[in-house]
Every structure is written in C-alpha cells, then in structure tokens.
Amino acid sequence: MEKANVKPAQGKLGIMVVGNGAVATTFMTGVLMARKGLAKPVGSMTQYDKIRVGRGADKKYMKYGDIVSIADLNDIVFGTWDVYPQNAYQSAMYAEVLKAKDIEPVRDELEKIVPMKAAFDKNYAKRLDGDNVKDCKTRWDMVEQLREDIRNFKQQNGCSRIVVLWAASTEIYVPVYEPVHNRLADLEAAMKADDREHVAPSMCYAYAALTEGAPFVMGAPNTTVDIPAMWELAEKTQMPIAGKDFKTGQTLVKSGFAPIIGTRCLGLDGWFSTNILGNRDGLVLDEPQNFRTKEVSKLSTLETILKAEEQPDLYTDYYHKVRINYYPPRNDNKESWDNIDIFGWMGYPMQIKINFLCRDSILAAPVCLDLCLLIDLAARAGRFGTQRFLSFFLKSPMHDYTQGEEAVNHLYRQHTMLKNAIREMGGYEADEEID
C-alpha cells in the first residue's frame, strides 16, 4: 500500500500544557515513569489500541505507531504555564492523585518543569488566587507574550515541533458573540481594543499557538477555538485544532451506554447525572458561571445519540439533567451517579443505575497523551482546522454549527472515525462505514 504523505515524527516534540494541576502533573509524571519502564500507559489508545488494516488475505491488526509515524515517548519535552509557581514535582505531590512512590523516581525531571507565568484574568476563574501571572496591558499584549514563551521554549529545548494543550480550569461561559467571534479580523480588533468580555485568556493561548505553528487542543469546555474566527485562523495558519473538554468519566459512560438503549430500541423517560468532586476543577465549577460552561458541554451528548426525529415513540420529551457538586473530601476521586428511567414492551418502566467511582486525572492523563500525539500526527499529515476524528476523546466535539452540522457523540461511531483517519494517514483504505 502506498504510504500517505505524512512527515515522519523526527526530533523532539514539545508539549506545552496550560495548567500545572492534577491532570497536567498526572499526565507528565505518567509519561516520564512509562519511559523509564516504571509504569504502564494504561488507557492510552496510541499505546495499546490495534486497528485492522486491509481486508481478506491482506488483513492485519496493527498498533497506531506501526501504521503511522507517531512521536516516541522518549522524544517528548514538557513545559507549562500556571497561576501558581510550584514546579511539577511540588504540584504532583500537592494534588495527591499519585502516591509518592510513583512520583519520586522522576522527581529530578519534574522539578525542572517550572511553570511560566500564566496569562490570566481572575474574572474568568474567580476561585483561583495565584500570583504567577503575566502583567498584560491588553489581550493583544497577552498574545504577544505567549508567542514569545512558545518561541523561547522551542528554542531552549531544541524542539522540532510544539503542541499546546489546555488542561487548566473551566472558564466562565462565553456565549458566541458574532461581532467579535465570527471573523478573524474582528477577533484581532477586539484583542487590540482589550475587549475582556468577549476575549477569554484561553483564546489568547490558542491564537498564540496557531500563529507560532503549534496545533492547539482545548481540554476544557471553554468556547476558545469553537468559534468561526478561530477556524479561520486555523485555516490561515494551516494548523489543526481540537476540542472541547476531555471525555473521561460520566460522559464516556453516557456516550457508550446510550447506544445500548438506542440499538435495543428501548424508550427513555429521563437521565439524571450527578457528580461530586473535590479537586481544583470542582472548586472552580462551584462558581455558577463556570458550571454553565461545563453543563452545556455535558448536556449535548445524549441529544445527538437518542433523537426524537428518528424514533418519536421512544425519545420524545425525555428529561435530561446534569449536576456537579463540589465536595472537598473526595479530592480527585470523582464519583458520578447516573439514574436512567427507561421503558420497554407496552411502555412498562424500568430503571438503570450506574455508579462510577472514577479517578478524574487517571482517566484524563491518557486522553491528554493521545490528543497531543494524534494532533501532532495530523499536523505532519497536513491536516488543518477542526480534527473531527479526535471526537472520541472529547465531551463536546467541535463541529460547524453555523452550517447546521451536528457533532458525533456516539462512542462507537467516534471510534470508527478515529480508526479511518489513522488508516488514511497510514496509506490504507478508510474502509469502515460510519452508519
């Protein structure tokens, strides 16, 4: 089979993470431990998943890295920005996700990862109180300072490529405001005019990354790159973008379980989802405006899988509610409950209860790794704009809502999109139907 035109993953890949909290440090520590052979990157599709390529006598099942050129874990260099000045070792210990025995062997490497000053606006995360913050006159100044950070990091660490990953807190909800968000020229003008209401700090990170030739991944439900102005920038810079919001616990269950109800043609009366968590994410989400951002992303999942227009007898007027409660004793160990009211033959009611006692950062870390490695692959394959094939890893996958496009949230369809993209980039036929 003829290989697709994908540049090989040569040289160092700089992964610059916005946020140096529980998710970021669990991700970094795990990669550093895995490359020393002291831990296994369980949960990572790029490290474990196998894809069938070819049919009939030519059929083979291969790991992603054997089909396409994926950056080696040994070639990754980490950088970070955070409002708190603690290095990655201190932050990992403070987060209490990992035991000391799983952090100490890579202490020296973690201590060298010292966060750069964050581009921060307290109005967007009122519960955070760090002082490791840039002094920015305007949003445009914020962009310029971040661009300089990316350039310096790339040069100082001898990286051939950079990926920027948002693993920081959820910002307050920024509704799409057409006069600023629809055209790149308007967004740039708003940045220069220091329009702090419509230009979130995360937009400055994304703008800086794309203009410096670095793909950008939005791991929170922020509006950031999910606006036409940013799609225009991604096209102009020929850079891939992906978002939004890491799909880790409850939404993973929902996107995998809802298809069971739909495939079996059972009816749905209601789905109530509630969560308790106590880490910094929980603290930030305790603020109603920040929760609103998360709620919008979590609510979109079900409606695109169980559709009234396709099965009016089964899915008309079901009630869907999502709640997140800050509960400090749990720290990073999030607990989610799903109470699902379904009905079957002749309309008789039944219930399903799912109680997932998950570890938020343990589930998020492999997602971070996969998104970074795969968006780097996409960039080397010349793919730009929204990378829909990465929907598998995201709660609220980006799509062109201006054209009435609907996101694919069905887990198995998302997996097919992912496999087809890998096949295609590996020079094989994208031969699985998404139906």
Protein backbone atom coordinates (compact mmCIF):
# COMPACT_ATOMS: atom_id res chain seq x y z
CA MET A 1 0.00 0.00 0.00
CA GLU A 2 1.34 3.43 -0.87
CA LYS A 3 2.21 5.46 2.20
CA ALA A 4 0.28 8.70 2.62
CA ASN A 5 2.28 11.91 2.54
CA VAL A 6 2.98 12.21 6.28
CA LYS A 7 6.18 13.76 7.55
CA PRO A 8 7.97 11.42 10.00
CA ALA A 9 7.99 12.23 13.73
CA GLN A 10 11.63 13.31 13.87
CA GLY A 11 13.21 15.34 16.64
CA LYS A 12 11.72 16.45 19.93
CA LEU A 13 8.03 17.17 20.44
CA GLY A 14 7.40 19.97 22.95
CA ILE A 15 4.10 19.58 24.78
CA MET A 16 3.26 22.89 26.41
CA VAL A 17 0.44 22.43 28.90
CA VAL A 18 -1.74 25.30 30.08
CA GLY A 19 -2.25 24.46 33.74
CA ASN A 20 0.06 22.55 36.06
CA GLY A 21 -2.56 20.99 38.30
CA ALA A 22 -3.79 17.46 38.94
CA VAL A 23 -4.45 16.49 35.29
CA ALA A 24 -1.25 18.02 33.91
CA THR A 25 1.08 16.58 36.55
CA THR A 26 -0.53 13.13 36.42
CA PHE A 27 -0.06 13.17 32.64
CA MET A 28 3.56 14.33 32.81
CA THR A 29 4.54 12.00 35.66
CA GLY A 30 2.98 9.02 33.89
CA VAL A 31 4.85 9.68 30.64
CA LEU A 32 8.16 10.14 32.50
CA MET A 33 7.57 6.94 34.51
CA ALA A 34 6.50 4.95 31.43
CA ARG A 35 9.61 5.83 29.51
CA LYS A 36 11.74 4.63 32.44
CA GLY A 37 9.78 1.34 32.31
CA LEU A 38 8.40 2.00 35.82
CA ALA A 39 4.71 2.35 34.88
CA LYS A 40 2.42 1.42 32.03
CA PRO A 41 0.42 3.98 30.00
CA VAL A 42 -2.87 2.12 30.55
CA GLY A 43 -5.87 3.76 28.90
CA SER A 44 -3.86 5.23 26.04
CA MET A 45 -5.21 4.29 22.61
CA THR A 46 -1.98 5.32 20.85
CA GLN A 47 0.00 2.93 23.06
CA TYR A 48 -2.42 -0.02 23.14
CA ASP A 49 -5.24 0.05 20.59
CA LYS A 50 -4.93 -2.07 17.44
CA ILE A 51 -6.64 -1.33 14.16
CA ARG A 52 -7.46 -3.69 11.34
CA VAL A 53 -5.93 -2.61 8.03
CA GLY A 54 -6.65 -4.36 4.75
CA ARG A 55 -9.29 -6.98 4.09
CA GLY A 56 -9.41 -10.69 3.38
CA ALA A 57 -5.96 -12.26 2.99
CA ASP A 58 -4.32 -8.84 3.49
CA LYS A 59 -5.98 -8.27 6.86
CA LYS A 60 -3.68 -7.29 9.74
CA TYR A 61 -4.26 -5.83 13.21
CA MET A 62 -1.65 -3.20 13.98
CA LYS A 63 -0.88 -0.61 16.66
CA TYR A 64 -1.20 3.04 15.63
CA GLY A 65 2.57 3.53 15.71
CA ASP A 66 3.06 0.69 13.22
CA ILE A 67 0.58 2.23 10.77
CA VAL A 68 1.66 5.86 11.04
CA SER A 69 4.70 7.70 12.44
CA ILE A 70 3.82 8.73 16.00
CA ALA A 71 6.16 10.62 18.33
CA ASP A 72 8.03 8.35 20.72
CA LEU A 73 7.51 8.96 24.46
CA ASN A 74 11.29 9.47 24.76
CA ASP A 75 11.09 12.45 22.40
CA ILE A 76 8.58 14.43 24.49
CA VAL A 77 9.63 17.57 26.37
CA PHE A 78 7.15 19.18 28.77
CA GLY A 79 6.55 22.84 29.51
CA THR A 80 3.72 24.52 31.38
CA TRP A 81 2.04 27.76 32.39
CA ASP A 82 0.23 28.15 35.72
CA VAL A 83 -1.02 30.84 38.09
CA TYR A 84 0.75 29.01 40.92
CA PRO A 85 4.59 28.96 40.81
CA GLN A 86 5.14 25.43 42.20
CA ASN A 87 7.13 23.12 39.91
CA ALA A 88 5.59 19.93 38.55
CA TYR A 89 7.01 17.79 41.39
CA GLN A 90 5.55 20.05 44.09
CA SER A 91 2.26 20.27 42.24
CA ALA A 92 2.02 16.50 41.74
CA MET A 93 2.63 15.93 45.45
CA TYR A 94 0.08 18.60 46.36
CA ALA A 95 -2.57 17.13 44.03
CA GLU A 96 -2.40 13.77 45.87
CA VAL A 97 -3.56 11.85 42.81
CA LEU A 98 -0.44 9.69 42.68
CA LYS A 99 1.38 8.10 45.59
CA ALA A 100 4.85 9.41 46.41
CA LYS A 101 6.38 6.10 45.27
CA ASP A 102 5.04 6.79 41.76
CA ILE A 103 6.41 10.34 41.69
CA GLU A 104 9.80 10.12 43.45
CA PRO A 105 11.61 8.11 40.71
CA VAL A 106 11.12 11.03 38.29
CA ARG A 107 11.45 13.82 40.85
CA ASP A 108 14.52 15.36 39.18
CA GLU A 109 12.76 15.65 35.83
CA LEU A 110 9.54 17.01 37.36
CA GLU A 111 11.41 19.64 39.40
CA LYS A 112 12.83 21.05 36.17
CA ILE A 113 9.30 21.67 34.83
CA VAL A 114 8.70 25.12 36.31
CA PRO A 115 5.56 26.93 35.18
CA MET A 116 5.91 30.11 33.18
CA LYS A 117 3.69 32.97 34.28
CA ALA A 118 0.13 32.37 33.21
CA ALA A 119 -1.95 34.67 31.03
CA PHE A 120 -4.80 35.05 33.49
CA ASP A 121 -7.89 37.09 34.18
CA LYS A 122 -9.45 36.50 37.58
CA ASN A 123 -12.94 37.28 36.22
CA TYR A 124 -12.76 34.03 34.25
CA ALA A 125 -11.94 31.83 37.27
CA LYS A 126 -12.84 33.74 40.42
CA ARG A 127 -11.92 30.90 42.78
CA LEU A 128 -8.25 30.78 41.69
CA ASP A 129 -5.83 33.01 43.55
CA GLY A 130 -2.32 32.52 42.20
CA ASP A 131 0.26 35.26 41.72
CA ASN A 132 2.40 33.66 38.99
CA VAL A 133 0.64 35.83 36.44
CA LYS A 134 1.73 37.93 33.48
CA ASP A 135 1.23 41.67 33.54
CA CYS A 136 -0.67 42.25 30.29
CA LYS A 137 -1.78 45.67 29.15
CA THR A 138 -4.25 44.26 26.62
CA ARG A 139 -5.42 40.93 25.28
CA TRP A 140 -3.14 41.54 22.28
CA ASP A 141 -0.19 42.04 24.66
CA MET A 142 -1.21 38.71 26.25
CA VAL A 143 -0.98 37.03 22.83
CA GLU A 144 2.43 38.58 22.13
CA GLN A 145 3.85 37.43 25.49
CA LEU A 146 2.54 33.88 24.97
CA ARG A 147 4.01 33.75 21.46
CA GLU A 148 7.36 34.69 22.93
CA ASP A 149 7.04 31.92 25.55
CA ILE A 150 6.39 29.35 22.82
CA ARG A 151 9.33 30.55 20.69
CA ASN A 152 11.71 30.58 23.66
CA PHE A 153 10.61 27.14 24.89
CA LYS A 154 11.01 25.64 21.42
CA GLN A 155 14.49 27.08 21.01
CA GLN A 156 15.77 26.38 24.54
CA ASN A 157 14.63 22.75 24.41
CA GLY A 158 15.66 22.08 20.79
CA CYS A 159 12.13 21.03 19.81
CA SER A 160 11.26 20.47 16.17
CA ARG A 161 7.52 20.71 16.89
CA ILE A 162 5.22 22.07 19.60
CA VAL A 163 1.68 21.15 20.65
CA VAL A 164 -0.25 23.37 23.09
CA LEU A 165 -2.74 21.58 25.36
CA TRP A 166 -5.24 23.30 27.64
CA ALA A 167 -5.50 21.30 30.88
CA ALA A 168 -6.41 24.27 33.06
CA SER A 169 -9.69 25.15 34.73
CA THR A 170 -13.02 25.74 33.05
CA GLU A 171 -13.53 29.43 32.32
CA ILE A 172 -16.83 31.22 32.82
CA TYR A 173 -19.30 30.71 30.00
CA VAL A 174 -18.55 32.90 26.98
CA PRO A 175 -21.51 32.79 24.60
CA VAL A 176 -20.64 33.08 20.91
CA TYR A 177 -20.87 36.80 20.11
CA GLU A 178 -20.94 37.22 16.35
CA PRO A 179 -19.50 40.77 16.06
CA VAL A 180 -16.27 39.51 17.73
CA HIS A 181 -16.24 35.75 17.20
CA ASN A 182 -17.35 35.32 13.60
CA ARG A 183 -14.41 36.83 11.71
CA LEU A 184 -10.69 36.69 12.44
CA ALA A 185 -10.26 40.41 11.71
CA ASP A 186 -12.95 41.24 14.30
CA LEU A 187 -11.37 38.96 16.91
CA GLU A 188 -7.96 40.58 16.36
CA ALA A 189 -9.51 44.05 16.62
CA ALA A 190 -11.21 43.04 19.88
CA MET A 191 -7.89 41.76 21.26
CA LYS A 192 -6.19 45.05 20.37
CA ALA A 193 -9.08 47.01 21.89
CA ASP A 194 -8.74 44.86 25.04
CA ASP A 195 -12.31 43.56 24.92
CA ARG A 196 -12.08 41.41 28.05
CA GLU A 197 -15.73 40.42 27.97
CA HIS A 198 -15.59 38.61 24.62
CA VAL A 199 -11.93 37.55 24.51
CA ALA A 200 -11.13 34.92 27.14
CA PRO A 201 -7.49 34.29 28.16
CA SER A 202 -7.78 30.81 26.60
CA MET A 203 -8.39 32.47 23.22
CA CYS A 204 -5.04 34.23 23.60
CA TYR A 205 -3.30 30.89 24.20
CA ALA A 206 -4.97 29.39 21.14
CA TYR A 207 -4.19 32.40 18.96
CA ALA A 208 -0.55 32.38 20.11
CA ALA A 209 -0.17 28.64 19.49
CA LEU A 210 -1.64 28.68 15.98
CA THR A 211 0.35 31.71 14.88
CA GLU A 212 3.53 30.03 16.16
CA GLY A 213 2.77 26.91 14.10
CA ALA A 214 1.63 24.78 17.03
CA PRO A 215 -1.59 22.72 16.98
CA PHE A 216 -3.96 23.56 19.84
CA VAL A 217 -6.14 21.20 21.92
CA MET A 218 -8.90 22.55 24.21
CA GLY A 219 -9.32 20.14 27.12
CA ALA A 220 -11.98 22.18 28.95
CA PRO A 221 -15.46 23.10 27.72
CA ASN A 222 -14.38 26.70 27.02
CA THR A 223 -15.63 28.43 23.86
CA THR A 224 -11.97 29.18 22.91
CA VAL A 225 -11.40 27.60 19.47
CA ASP A 226 -15.05 26.73 18.89
CA ILE A 227 -15.74 29.97 17.01
CA PRO A 228 -15.58 30.77 13.27
CA ALA A 229 -12.80 33.35 13.82
CA MET A 230 -10.52 30.61 15.19
CA TRP A 231 -11.49 28.21 12.39
CA GLU A 232 -10.41 30.95 10.01
CA LEU A 233 -7.09 31.30 11.85
CA ALA A 234 -6.54 27.52 11.77
CA GLU A 235 -7.11 27.60 8.02
CA LYS A 236 -4.84 30.61 7.53
CA THR A 237 -2.00 29.05 9.56
CA GLN A 238 -2.75 25.53 8.18
CA MET A 239 -2.86 24.21 11.74
CA PRO A 240 -5.07 21.51 13.30
CA ILE A 241 -7.30 22.30 16.29
CA ALA A 242 -9.38 20.03 18.52
CA GLY A 243 -11.82 20.41 21.37
CA LYS A 244 -13.61 20.58 23.57
CA ASP A 245 -13.47 19.08 27.06
CA PHE A 246 -11.69 15.79 27.85
CA LYS A 247 -14.15 12.89 27.87
CA THR A 248 -13.17 10.96 30.97
CA GLY A 249 -15.80 9.57 33.33
CA GLN A 250 -19.52 10.16 33.20
CA THR A 251 -19.73 11.35 29.59
CA LEU A 252 -17.65 8.38 28.45
CA VAL A 253 -20.21 6.12 30.13
CA LYS A 254 -23.07 8.09 28.58
CA SER A 255 -21.66 8.03 25.04
CA GLY A 256 -21.12 4.28 25.36
CA PHE A 257 -24.32 3.38 27.20
CA ALA A 258 -26.85 5.50 25.33
CA PRO A 259 -26.16 3.46 22.15
CA ILE A 260 -27.23 0.32 24.08
CA ILE A 261 -30.65 1.87 24.72
CA GLY A 262 -30.89 3.15 21.15
CA THR A 263 -29.68 -0.04 19.46
CA ARG A 264 -32.09 -2.17 21.51
CA CYS A 265 -34.98 0.23 20.65
CA LEU A 266 -35.86 0.86 24.28
CA GLY A 267 -37.52 4.12 25.28
CA LEU A 268 -36.12 6.86 27.52
CA ASP A 269 -38.11 8.95 30.02
CA GLY A 270 -35.23 10.65 31.78
CA TRP A 271 -31.50 10.64 32.51
CA PHE A 272 -30.26 12.33 35.66
CA SER A 273 -26.50 12.69 36.03
CA THR A 274 -24.83 13.98 39.13
CA ASN A 275 -21.17 14.25 40.15
CA ILE A 276 -19.20 15.02 43.28
CA LEU A 277 -15.55 16.01 43.12
CA GLY A 278 -13.21 17.96 45.33
CA ASN A 279 -10.17 18.97 43.30
CA ARG A 280 -9.37 22.43 41.89
CA ASP A 281 -11.70 21.69 38.98
CA GLY A 282 -14.55 21.10 41.45
CA LEU A 283 -13.71 24.33 43.27
CA VAL A 284 -13.82 26.35 40.04
CA LEU A 285 -17.02 24.63 38.88
CA ASP A 286 -18.68 25.58 42.18
CA GLU A 287 -18.99 29.06 40.63
CA PRO A 288 -22.30 29.10 38.68
CA GLN A 289 -20.89 30.88 35.61
CA ASN A 290 -18.10 28.31 35.31
CA PHE A 291 -20.53 25.42 35.82
CA ARG A 292 -22.68 26.79 32.99
CA THR A 293 -19.78 26.19 30.57
CA LYS A 294 -19.46 22.58 31.72
CA GLU A 295 -23.21 21.97 31.74
CA VAL A 296 -23.57 22.98 28.08
CA SER A 297 -20.85 20.51 27.07
CA LYS A 298 -22.24 17.62 29.15
CA LEU A 299 -25.83 18.13 28.02
CA SER A 300 -25.08 17.92 24.30
CA THR A 301 -24.07 14.24 24.39
CA LEU A 302 -27.41 12.48 24.72
CA GLU A 303 -29.44 14.59 22.32
CA THR A 304 -27.26 13.64 19.35
CA ILE A 305 -27.47 9.89 20.11
CA LEU A 306 -31.13 9.36 21.07
CA LYS A 307 -33.08 11.54 18.65
CA ALA A 308 -36.82 12.21 18.74
CA GLU A 309 -36.99 12.79 14.98
CA GLU A 310 -35.61 9.30 14.32
CA GLN A 311 -37.70 7.47 16.92
CA PRO A 312 -40.60 9.67 18.11
CA ASP A 313 -42.21 6.80 20.10
CA LEU A 314 -39.02 6.30 22.11
CA TYR A 315 -37.23 9.64 22.55
CA THR A 316 -39.77 12.46 22.54
CA ASP A 317 -39.63 14.72 25.61
CA TYR A 318 -37.19 12.82 27.84
CA TYR A 319 -35.79 14.80 30.75
CA HIS A 320 -32.01 15.23 30.92
CA LYS A 321 -30.29 16.92 33.83
CA VAL A 322 -26.62 17.24 34.80
CA ARG A 323 -25.29 18.35 38.19
CA ILE A 324 -21.76 18.82 39.56
CA ASN A 325 -21.24 19.33 43.29
CA TYR A 326 -18.02 20.46 44.92
CA TYR A 327 -17.19 18.09 47.77
CA PRO A 328 -13.64 18.57 49.12
CA PRO A 329 -13.20 15.19 50.92
CA ARG A 330 -13.19 13.38 47.57
CA ASN A 331 -10.31 15.41 46.13
CA ASP A 332 -9.56 13.99 42.65
CA ASN A 333 -11.65 10.85 43.14
CA LYS A 334 -14.79 11.90 41.34
CA GLU A 335 -17.98 9.96 41.86
CA SER A 336 -20.75 10.05 39.30
CA TRP A 337 -24.26 8.63 39.52
CA ASP A 338 -26.49 8.11 36.54
CA ASN A 339 -30.15 7.39 37.15
CA ILE A 340 -31.77 6.33 33.88
CA ASP A 341 -35.51 5.85 33.53
CA ILE A 342 -36.29 3.69 30.51
CA PHE A 343 -39.39 1.93 29.26
CA GLY A 344 -39.88 -1.29 27.35
CA TRP A 345 -42.58 -3.52 25.88
CA MET A 346 -46.03 -1.89 26.09
CA GLY A 347 -44.47 1.12 27.82
CA TYR A 348 -43.57 -0.62 31.11
CA PRO A 349 -40.99 1.39 33.11
CA MET A 350 -37.56 0.14 34.21
CA GLN A 351 -34.52 1.79 35.75
CA ILE A 352 -30.77 1.62 35.31
CA LYS A 353 -28.36 2.97 37.93
CA ILE A 354 -24.67 3.47 37.21
CA ASN A 355 -22.28 4.50 39.97
CA PHE A 356 -18.80 5.24 38.64
CA LEU A 357 -16.17 5.85 41.30
CA CYS A 358 -13.53 7.16 38.99
CA ARG A 359 -10.24 8.98 39.35
CA ASP A 360 -10.53 12.05 37.21
CA SER A 361 -6.86 12.63 36.42
CA ILE A 362 -6.11 8.92 35.97
CA LEU A 363 -8.72 8.86 33.20
CA ALA A 364 -7.68 12.24 31.75
CA ALA A 365 -3.91 11.59 31.53
CA PRO A 366 -4.03 9.01 28.69
CA VAL A 367 -6.54 11.22 26.85
CA CYS A 368 -4.02 14.09 27.08
CA LEU A 369 -1.29 11.87 25.66
CA ASP A 370 -3.42 10.59 22.79
CA LEU A 371 -4.71 14.03 21.83
CA CYS A 372 -1.19 15.50 21.78
CA LEU A 373 0.33 12.64 19.78
CA LEU A 374 -2.57 12.47 17.31
CA ILE A 375 -2.87 16.21 16.71
CA ASP A 376 0.90 16.29 16.09
CA LEU A 377 0.36 13.46 13.59
CA ALA A 378 -2.46 15.44 11.95
CA ALA A 379 -0.17 18.47 11.58
CA ARG A 380 2.54 16.33 9.96
CA ALA A 381 -0.10 14.88 7.63
CA GLY A 382 -1.03 18.41 6.52
CA ARG A 383 -4.46 18.31 8.15
CA PHE A 384 -5.76 21.61 9.45
CA GLY A 385 -8.88 23.07 11.02
CA THR A 386 -11.17 21.06 13.31
CA GLN A 387 -9.99 17.45 13.66
CA ARG A 388 -13.29 15.60 13.89
CA PHE A 389 -11.51 12.24 14.10
CA LEU A 390 -10.47 13.18 17.66
CA SER A 391 -14.12 13.37 18.82
CA PHE A 392 -13.62 10.03 20.60
CA PHE A 393 -11.59 11.82 23.30
CA LEU A 394 -13.87 14.83 23.74
CA LYS A 395 -17.15 15.52 25.56
CA SER A 396 -18.45 18.20 23.26
CA PRO A 397 -16.70 17.62 19.92
CA MET A 398 -16.32 20.68 17.74
CA HIS A 399 -18.41 20.87 14.57
CA ASP A 400 -19.56 23.60 12.21
CA TYR A 401 -22.75 24.72 13.96
CA THR A 402 -23.02 27.69 11.55
CA GLN A 403 -23.87 25.16 8.81
CA GLY A 404 -26.21 23.11 10.99
CA GLU A 405 -23.67 20.28 11.34
CA GLU A 406 -24.24 18.00 14.33
CA ALA A 407 -21.47 16.58 16.47
CA VAL A 408 -20.96 12.81 16.50
CA ASN A 409 -21.21 11.74 20.18
CA HIS A 410 -21.91 8.02 19.68
CA LEU A 411 -18.78 6.34 21.08
CA TYR A 412 -18.61 3.53 18.51
CA ARG A 413 -19.05 5.90 15.58
CA GLN A 414 -16.35 8.10 17.05
CA HIS A 415 -14.03 5.09 17.29
CA THR A 416 -14.71 4.31 13.62
CA MET A 417 -13.86 7.91 12.63
CA LEU A 418 -10.61 7.64 14.60
CA LYS A 419 -9.65 4.32 13.00
CA ASN A 420 -10.48 5.53 9.50
CA ALA A 421 -8.30 8.63 9.91
CA ILE A 422 -5.35 6.53 11.11
CA ARG A 423 -5.81 4.13 8.19
CA GLU A 424 -5.95 7.02 5.75
CA MET A 425 -2.83 8.70 7.14
CA GLY A 426 -1.07 5.33 7.02
CA GLY A 427 -1.84 4.99 3.32
CA TYR A 428 -4.55 2.35 3.78
CA GLU A 429 -8.16 2.48 2.72
CA ALA A 430 -10.53 4.14 5.21
CA ASP A 431 -12.82 1.14 4.81
CA GLU A 432 -15.21 1.21 7.79
CA GLU A 433 -18.69 2.65 7.40
CA ILE A 434 -19.95 5.11 9.98
CA ASP A 435 -23.63 4.30 9.98
